[in-house]
Amino acid sequence: MTTINHSARVGVITDQAGALSFRGIANVNVATMVIDDLNDRGALLGRPVELFVEDSATDDLAGGVAALYPDLAQKTA
């Protein structure tokens, strides 16, 4: 059996800037609340959960996640 020695990582790409930032900021707030609640209840399968957020800046090209957000892909791997 493989032992995982790091936290459960969740990546969210959402609009933090631009015309739709009001929705993206709300998305991050909800994700933060859910992750805080999970961690307060003992985490996920005993592993703390970490949230990583990247700003898509209301950009239509955000479909290529790994290409446009290599930091997020690396952090959540």
C-alpha atoms as a PDB file:
ATOM      1  CA  MET A   1       0.000   0.000   0.000  1.00  0.00           C
ATOM      2  CA  THR A   2       1.292   3.442  -0.945  1.00  0.00           C
ATOM      3  CA  THR A   3       1.444   6.107   1.748  1.00  0.00           C
ATOM      4  CA  ILE A   4       0.736   9.686   0.708  1.00  0.00           C
ATOM      5  CA  ASN A   5       2.678  12.155   2.810  1.00  0.00           C
ATOM      6  CA  HIS A   6       1.209  15.403   1.592  1.00  0.00           C
ATOM      7  CA  SER A   7      -2.069  17.246   1.836  1.00  0.00           C
ATOM      8  CA  ALA A   8      -5.001  16.763  -0.499  1.00  0.00           C
ATOM      9  CA  ARG A   9      -4.642  19.566  -3.027  1.00  0.00           C
ATOM     10  CA  VAL A  10      -7.513  21.350  -4.742  1.00  0.00           C
ATOM     11  CA  GLY A  11      -6.933  23.779  -7.596  1.00  0.00           C
ATOM     12  CA  VAL A  12      -9.484  26.371  -8.648  1.00  0.00           C
ATOM     13  CA  ILE A  13      -9.189  28.545 -11.734  1.00  0.00           C
ATOM     14  CA  THR A  14     -11.673  31.373 -11.572  1.00  0.00           C
ATOM     15  CA  ASP A  15     -12.058  35.030 -12.450  1.00  0.00           C
ATOM     16  CA  GLN A  16     -10.369  37.215  -9.848  1.00  0.00           C
ATOM     17  CA  ALA A  17      -9.971  40.160 -12.225  1.00  0.00           C
ATOM     18  CA  GLY A  18     -11.969  41.403 -15.164  1.00  0.00           C
ATOM     19  CA  ALA A  19     -15.667  41.714 -15.882  1.00  0.00           C
ATOM     20  CA  LEU A  20     -16.669  38.486 -14.109  1.00  0.00           C
ATOM     21  CA  SER A  21     -14.501  38.897 -11.033  1.00  0.00           C
ATOM     22  CA  PHE A  22     -17.557  39.292  -8.784  1.00  0.00           C
ATOM     23  CA  ARG A  23     -18.442  35.653  -9.521  1.00  0.00           C
ATOM     24  CA  GLY A  24     -14.898  34.375  -9.207  1.00  0.00           C
ATOM     25  CA  ILE A  25     -14.352  36.023  -5.843  1.00  0.00           C
ATOM     26  CA  ALA A  26     -17.552  34.380  -4.598  1.00  0.00           C
ATOM     27  CA  ASN A  27     -16.318  31.007  -5.935  1.00  0.00           C
ATOM     28  CA  VAL A  28     -13.064  31.333  -4.013  1.00  0.00           C
ATOM     29  CA  ASN A  29     -14.920  32.344  -0.854  1.00  0.00           C
ATOM     30  CA  VAL A  30     -17.160  29.270  -1.064  1.00  0.00           C
ATOM     31  CA  ALA A  31     -14.229  26.950  -1.816  1.00  0.00           C
ATOM     32  CA  THR A  32     -12.332  28.398   1.151  1.00  0.00           C
ATOM     33  CA  MET A  33     -15.310  27.901   3.462  1.00  0.00           C
ATOM     34  CA  VAL A  34     -15.790  24.284   2.348  1.00  0.00           C
ATOM     35  CA  ILE A  35     -12.108  23.452   2.733  1.00  0.00           C
ATOM     36  CA  ASP A  36     -11.954  25.126   6.137  1.00  0.00           C
ATOM     37  CA  ASP A  37     -15.001  23.094   7.193  1.00  0.00           C
ATOM     38  CA  LEU A  38     -13.408  19.861   5.935  1.00  0.00           C
ATOM     39  CA  ASN A  39     -10.183  20.591   7.792  1.00  0.00           C
ATOM     40  CA  ASP A  40     -12.084  21.517  10.976  1.00  0.00           C
ATOM     41  CA  ARG A  41     -13.865  18.133  10.807  1.00  0.00           C
ATOM     42  CA  GLY A  42     -10.654  16.152  10.592  1.00  0.00           C
ATOM     43  CA  ALA A  43      -9.610  16.728   6.992  1.00  0.00           C
ATOM     44  CA  LEU A  44     -10.101  14.390   4.040  1.00  0.00           C
ATOM     45  CA  LEU A  45      -9.209  10.780   4.851  1.00  0.00           C
ATOM     46  CA  GLY A  46      -6.910  12.147   7.531  1.00  0.00           C
ATOM     47  CA  ARG A  47      -5.097  14.492   5.149  1.00  0.00           C
ATOM     48  CA  PRO A  48      -5.461  18.271   5.401  1.00  0.00           C
ATOM     49  CA  VAL A  49      -6.858  19.958   2.308  1.00  0.00           C
ATOM     50  CA  GLU A  50      -5.048  22.868   0.629  1.00  0.00           C
ATOM     51  CA  LEU A  51      -6.613  25.312  -1.813  1.00  0.00           C
ATOM     52  CA  PHE A  52      -4.655  26.779  -4.721  1.00  0.00           C
ATOM     53  CA  VAL A  53      -6.269  29.582  -6.727  1.00  0.00           C
ATOM     54  CA  GLU A  54      -5.306  30.921 -10.135  1.00  0.00           C
ATOM     55  CA  ASP A  55      -6.880  33.977 -11.750  1.00  0.00           C
ATOM     56  CA  SER A  56      -8.313  33.379 -15.214  1.00  0.00           C
ATOM     57  CA  ALA A  57      -8.904  37.164 -15.463  1.00  0.00           C
ATOM     58  CA  THR A  58     -12.102  36.616 -17.463  1.00  0.00           C
ATOM     59  CA  ASP A  59      -9.968  35.287 -20.319  1.00  0.00           C
ATOM     60  CA  ASP A  60     -11.597  33.034 -22.931  1.00  0.00           C
ATOM     61  CA  LEU A  61      -8.334  31.175 -23.455  1.00  0.00           C
ATOM     62  CA  ALA A  62      -8.448  29.582 -20.008  1.00  0.00           C
ATOM     63  CA  GLY A  63      -9.343  26.190 -21.488  1.00  0.00           C
ATOM     64  CA  GLY A  64      -5.724  25.025 -21.730  1.00  0.00           C
ATOM     65  CA  VAL A  65      -5.246  24.669 -17.998  1.00  0.00           C
ATOM     66  CA  ALA A  66      -1.823  23.027 -17.914  1.00  0.00           C
ATOM     67  CA  ALA A  67      -0.428  25.322 -20.601  1.00  0.00           C
ATOM     68  CA  LEU A  68      -1.788  28.559 -19.187  1.00  0.00           C
ATOM     69  CA  TYR A  69      -1.501  27.736 -15.489  1.00  0.00           C
ATOM     70  CA  PRO A  70       1.641  25.614 -15.099  1.00  0.00           C
ATOM     71  CA  ASP A  71       2.060  26.750 -11.488  1.00  0.00           C
ATOM     72  CA  LEU A  72      -1.359  25.383 -10.567  1.00  0.00           C
ATOM     73  CA  ALA A  73      -0.702  22.125 -12.407  1.00  0.00           C
ATOM     74  CA  GLN A  74       2.586  21.776 -10.521  1.00  0.00           C
ATOM     75  CA  LYS A  75       1.128  22.669  -7.102  1.00  0.00           C
ATOM     76  CA  THR A  76      -1.749  20.224  -7.344  1.00  0.00           C
ATOM     77  CA  ALA A  77       0.245  17.307  -8.778  1.00  0.00           C
END
